[in-house]
C-alpha atoms as a PDB file:
ATOM      1  CA  MET A   1      10.158  44.424 -25.446  1.00  0.00           C
ATOM      2  CA  PHE A   2      13.237  46.514 -23.981  1.00  0.00           C
ATOM      3  CA  GLY A   3      11.058  49.070 -23.064  1.00  0.00           C
ATOM      4  CA  ILE A   4      11.405  51.141 -25.785  1.00  0.00           C
ATOM      5  CA  GLY A   5       8.508  52.815 -26.911  1.00  0.00           C
ATOM      6  CA  SER A   6       7.369  53.747 -30.676  1.00  0.00           C
ATOM      7  CA  SER A   7       8.867  57.239 -30.891  1.00  0.00           C
ATOM      8  CA  GLU A   8      11.736  55.656 -29.866  1.00  0.00           C
ATOM      9  CA  LEU A   9      12.068  53.120 -31.906  1.00  0.00           C
ATOM     10  CA  LEU A  10      11.393  55.758 -35.129  1.00  0.00           C
ATOM     11  CA  ILE A  11      14.507  57.749 -33.781  1.00  0.00           C
ATOM     12  CA  ILE A  12      16.786  54.800 -33.264  1.00  0.00           C
ATOM     13  CA  LEU A  13      15.717  53.928 -37.276  1.00  0.00           C
ATOM     14  CA  VAL A  14      16.587  57.408 -38.620  1.00  0.00           C
ATOM     15  CA  VAL A  15      19.993  57.229 -36.826  1.00  0.00           C
ATOM     16  CA  ALA A  16      20.294  53.947 -38.252  1.00  0.00           C
ATOM     17  CA  LEU A  17      19.091  55.343 -41.300  1.00  0.00           C
ATOM     18  CA  LEU A  18      21.570  58.645 -41.568  1.00  0.00           C
ATOM     19  CA  VAL A  19      24.220  56.215 -40.015  1.00  0.00           C
ATOM     20  CA  LEU A  20      24.718  53.173 -42.369  1.00  0.00           C
ATOM     21  CA  GLY A  21      22.658  54.204 -45.063  1.00  0.00           C
ATOM     22  CA  PRO A  22      19.699  52.681 -47.202  1.00  0.00           C
ATOM     23  CA  GLU A  23      21.331  50.171 -49.481  1.00  0.00           C
ATOM     24  CA  HIS A  24      23.222  48.709 -45.653  1.00  0.00           C
ATOM     25  CA  LEU A  25      20.251  49.067 -43.278  1.00  0.00           C
ATOM     26  CA  PRO A  26      17.627  46.432 -44.894  1.00  0.00           C
ATOM     27  CA  LYS A  27      20.632  43.739 -44.744  1.00  0.00           C
ATOM     28  CA  ILE A  28      21.221  45.208 -41.519  1.00  0.00           C
ATOM     29  CA  MET A  29      17.473  44.532 -40.546  1.00  0.00           C
ATOM     30  CA  ARG A  30      17.332  40.829 -42.001  1.00  0.00           C
ATOM     31  CA  THR A  31      20.458  39.893 -40.134  1.00  0.00           C
ATOM     32  CA  VAL A  32      19.111  41.673 -36.558  1.00  0.00           C
ATOM     33  CA  GLY A  33      15.837  39.861 -36.936  1.00  0.00           C
ATOM     34  CA  LYS A  34      17.290  36.369 -37.617  1.00  0.00           C
ATOM     35  CA  VAL A  35      19.101  37.553 -34.910  1.00  0.00           C
ATOM     36  CA  MET A  36      16.112  38.030 -32.856  1.00  0.00           C
ATOM     37  CA  GLY A  37      14.515  35.075 -34.011  1.00  0.00           C
ATOM     38  CA  ASP A  38      17.515  32.597 -32.521  1.00  0.00           C
ATOM     39  CA  PHE A  39      17.520  34.607 -29.857  1.00  0.00           C
ATOM     40  CA  ARG A  40      13.979  33.931 -28.881  1.00  0.00           C
ATOM     41  CA  ARG A  41      14.015  30.350 -30.282  1.00  0.00           C
ATOM     42  CA  ILE A  42      16.601  29.454 -28.136  1.00  0.00           C
ATOM     43  CA  THR A  43      15.292  31.630 -25.138  1.00  0.00           C
ATOM     44  CA  THR A  44      12.443  29.339 -25.391  1.00  0.00           C
ATOM     45  CA  ASP A  45      13.872  25.958 -25.514  1.00  0.00           C
ATOM     46  CA  PHE A  46      16.249  27.033 -22.619  1.00  0.00           C
ATOM     47  CA  GLN A  47      12.765  28.155 -21.085  1.00  0.00           C
ATOM     48  CA  ARG A  48      11.447  24.829 -21.404  1.00  0.00           C
ATOM     49  CA  THR A  49      13.797  22.598 -20.782  1.00  0.00           C
ATOM     50  CA  ILE A  50      14.218  24.126 -17.335  1.00  0.00           C
ATOM     51  CA  ASN A  51      10.185  23.790 -16.976  1.00  0.00           C
ATOM     52  CA  THR A  52      10.737  20.022 -17.554  1.00  0.00           C
ATOM     53  CA  GLU A  53      13.647  18.978 -15.242  1.00  0.00           C
ATOM     54  CA  VAL A  54      11.525  20.959 -12.442  1.00  0.00           C
ATOM     55  CA  ALA A  55       8.942  19.179 -13.596  1.00  0.00           C
ATOM     56  CA  VAL A  56      10.912  16.065 -13.270  1.00  0.00           C
ATOM     57  CA  ASP A  57      12.394  16.651  -9.907  1.00  0.00           C
ATOM     58  CA  GLU A  58       8.733  17.568  -8.616  1.00  0.00           C
ATOM     59  CA  GLU A  59       7.493  14.104 -10.230  1.00  0.00           C
ATOM     60  CA  LYS A  60      10.655  11.903  -8.695  1.00  0.00           C
ATOM     61  CA  ARG A  61      10.017  14.651  -5.022  1.00  0.00           C
ATOM     62  CA  ILE A  62       6.504  12.715  -4.868  1.00  0.00           C
ATOM     63  CA  ARG A  63       7.695   9.427  -5.473  1.00  0.00           C
ATOM     64  CA  ARG A  64       9.803   9.266  -2.652  1.00  0.00           C
ATOM     65  CA  GLU A  65       7.698  10.609  -0.871  1.00  0.00           C
ATOM     66  CA  GLU A  66       4.935   8.360  -1.665  1.00  0.00           C
ATOM     67  CA  LYS A  67       7.560   5.371  -1.125  1.00  0.00           C
ATOM     68  CA  LYS A  68       8.373   7.074   2.196  1.00  0.00           C
ATOM     69  CA  ALA A  69       5.050   7.147   3.372  1.00  0.00           C
ATOM     70  CA  LYS A  70       4.162   3.137   1.836  1.00  0.00           C
ATOM     71  CA  GLN A  71       7.082   1.727   3.805  1.00  0.00           C
ATOM     72  CA  ALA A  72       6.493   3.391   6.758  1.00  0.00           C
ATOM     73  CA  ALA A  73       3.333   2.096   6.579  1.00  0.00           C
ATOM     74  CA  LYS A  74       4.640  -1.210   6.084  1.00  0.00           C
ATOM     75  CA  GLU A  75       7.102  -0.523   9.484  1.00  0.00           C
ATOM     76  CA  ALA A  76       3.433   0.059  11.099  1.00  0.00           C
ATOM     77  CA  ALA A  77       1.776  -2.890  10.491  1.00  0.00           C
ATOM     78  CA  ARG A  78       4.810  -4.737  11.264  1.00  0.00           C
ATOM     79  CA  ALA A  79       5.249  -3.714  14.543  1.00  0.00           C
ATOM     80  CA  GLU A  80       1.505  -3.662  15.051  1.00  0.00           C
ATOM     81  CA  LEU A  81       1.574  -7.439  14.168  1.00  0.00           C
ATOM     82  CA  LEU A  82       4.652  -8.206  15.762  1.00  0.00           C
ATOM     83  CA  ALA A  83       3.006  -5.858  18.916  1.00  0.00           C
ATOM     84  CA  GLU A  84      -0.742  -8.949  18.528  1.00  0.00           C
ATOM     85  CA  LEU A  85       1.909 -12.066  17.889  1.00  0.00           C
ATOM     86  CA  LYS A  86       4.030 -10.652  20.822  1.00  0.00           C
ATOM     87  CA  ALA A  87       1.153 -10.793  23.045  1.00  0.00           C
ATOM     88  CA  GLU A  88      -0.456 -13.671  21.534  1.00  0.00           C
ATOM     89  CA  ALA A  89       2.895 -15.508  22.729  1.00  0.00           C
ATOM     90  CA  GLU A  90       3.224 -13.722  26.399  1.00  0.00           C
ATOM     91  CA  ALA A  91      -0.567 -14.972  27.038  1.00  0.00           C
ATOM     92  CA  LYS A  92       0.492 -18.786  25.994  1.00  0.00           C
ATOM     93  CA  GLU A  93       3.217 -18.372  28.093  1.00  0.00           C
ATOM     94  CA  ALA A  94       1.220 -17.459  31.277  1.00  0.00           C
ATOM     95  CA  GLY A  95      -1.232 -19.743  30.491  1.00  0.00           C
ATOM     96  CA  LEU A  96       1.519 -22.732  30.020  1.00  0.00           C
ATOM     97  CA  ASN A  97       3.103 -21.589  32.931  1.00  0.00           C
ATOM     98  CA  SER A  98       0.107 -21.888  35.037  1.00  0.00           C
ATOM     99  CA  SER A  99       0.082 -25.618  33.406  1.00  0.00           C
ATOM    100  CA  VAL A 100       3.520 -26.170  33.940  1.00  0.00           C
ATOM    101  CA  VAL A 101       3.284 -25.252  38.170  1.00  0.00           C
ATOM    102  CA  THR A 102       0.136 -27.642  38.053  1.00  0.00           C
ATOM    103  CA  ASP A 103       2.026 -30.037  36.752  1.00  0.00           C
ATOM    104  CA  LYS A 104       5.131 -29.188  38.330  1.00  0.00           C
ATOM    105  CA  ASP A 105       2.815 -29.646  41.895  1.00  0.00           C
ATOM    106  CA  GLU A 106       1.071 -32.537  40.160  1.00  0.00           C
ATOM    107  CA  THR A 107       4.752 -34.339  39.193  1.00  0.00           C
ATOM    108  CA  GLU A 108       5.718 -33.829  42.914  1.00  0.00           C
ATOM    109  CA  THR A 109       3.377 -35.562  44.088  1.00  0.00           C
ATOM    110  CA  GLN A 110       3.721 -38.241  42.472  1.00  0.00           C
ATOM    111  CA  ASP A 111       7.044 -38.613  43.556  1.00  0.00           C
ATOM    112  CA  SER A 112       6.485 -37.938  46.446  1.00  0.00           C
ATOM    113  CA  THR A 113       3.867 -41.311  46.633  1.00  0.00           C
ATOM    114  CA  ILE A 114       6.744 -43.015  44.539  1.00  0.00           C
ATOM    115  CA  LEU A 115       8.929 -42.190  47.515  1.00  0.00           C
ATOM    116  CA  LYS A 116       6.760 -43.031  49.669  1.00  0.00           C
ATOM    117  CA  ASP A 117       6.662 -46.789  47.689  1.00  0.00           C
ATOM    118  CA  ASN A 118      10.085 -47.150  47.697  1.00  0.00           C
ATOM    119  CA  SER A 119      10.178 -46.250  51.508  1.00  0.00           C
ATOM    120  CA  LEU A 120       7.692 -48.844  52.411  1.00  0.00           C
ATOM    121  CA  GLU A 121       8.314 -51.703  49.744  1.00  0.00           C
ATOM    122  CA  GLU A 122      12.244 -51.390  51.281  1.00  0.00           C
ATOM    123  CA  LYS A 123      10.297 -51.728  54.728  1.00  0.00           C
ATOM    124  CA  SER A 124       8.868 -54.747  53.710  1.00  0.00           C
ATOM    125  CA  ASN A 125      11.858 -56.136  52.303  1.00  0.00           C
ATOM    126  CA  LYS A 126      13.669 -55.661  55.167  1.00  0.00           C
ATOM    127  CA  LEU A 127      10.480 -56.688  57.484  1.00  0.00           C
ATOM    128  CA  LYS A 128      10.511 -60.228  54.953  1.00  0.00           C
ATOM    129  CA  THR A 129      14.881 -60.233  55.067  1.00  0.00           C
ATOM    130  CA  SER A 130      14.670 -59.991  59.033  1.00  0.00           C
ATOM    131  CA  GLU A 131      11.687 -62.749  59.607  1.00  0.00           C
ATOM    132  CA  THR A 132      13.401 -65.522  57.086  1.00  0.00           C
ATOM    133  CA  THR A 133      16.858 -63.890  59.374  1.00  0.00           C
ATOM    134  CA  THR A 134      14.389 -65.018  62.468  1.00  0.00           C
ATOM    135  CA  ASP A 135      12.883 -68.578  60.414  1.00  0.00           C
ATOM    136  CA  ASN A 136      16.342 -69.131  59.552  1.00  0.00           C
ATOM    137  CA  SER A 137      18.028 -68.653  63.075  1.00  0.00           C
ATOM    138  CA  GLY A 138      15.293 -70.833  64.660  1.00  0.00           C
ATOM    139  CA  ALA A 139      15.681 -73.667  62.794  1.00  0.00           C
ATOM    140  CA  VAL A 140      18.928 -74.257  63.269  1.00  0.00           C
END
């Protein structure tokens, strides 16, 4: 226990017997035995407490790491989903832009046709007005 051999322990007991006397030695040995038992019990409880705390800390660390890994996986999945959605939106936007350009061309064509029709109507109205004016001036 303390690195004391049996011969050294025998020498210590003989010296204790001579110093303390045969009447007090058994009482003192009982007290030393109780103190040693209490000391062992306290150290065992202390070791058990330390080991329990270390195990709890280790479990908390593992749970934190698992939680971080799950969070990282969720974030990666979200980023991937956002990238897919962004790509789809860009593809739709590109498709809409080409259709908007086509629609814009069609609208411009329709607008120019309407303008031509309006200018033709104005010319025909002017022509009718001038004919009416000519007819009225000739009739007078």
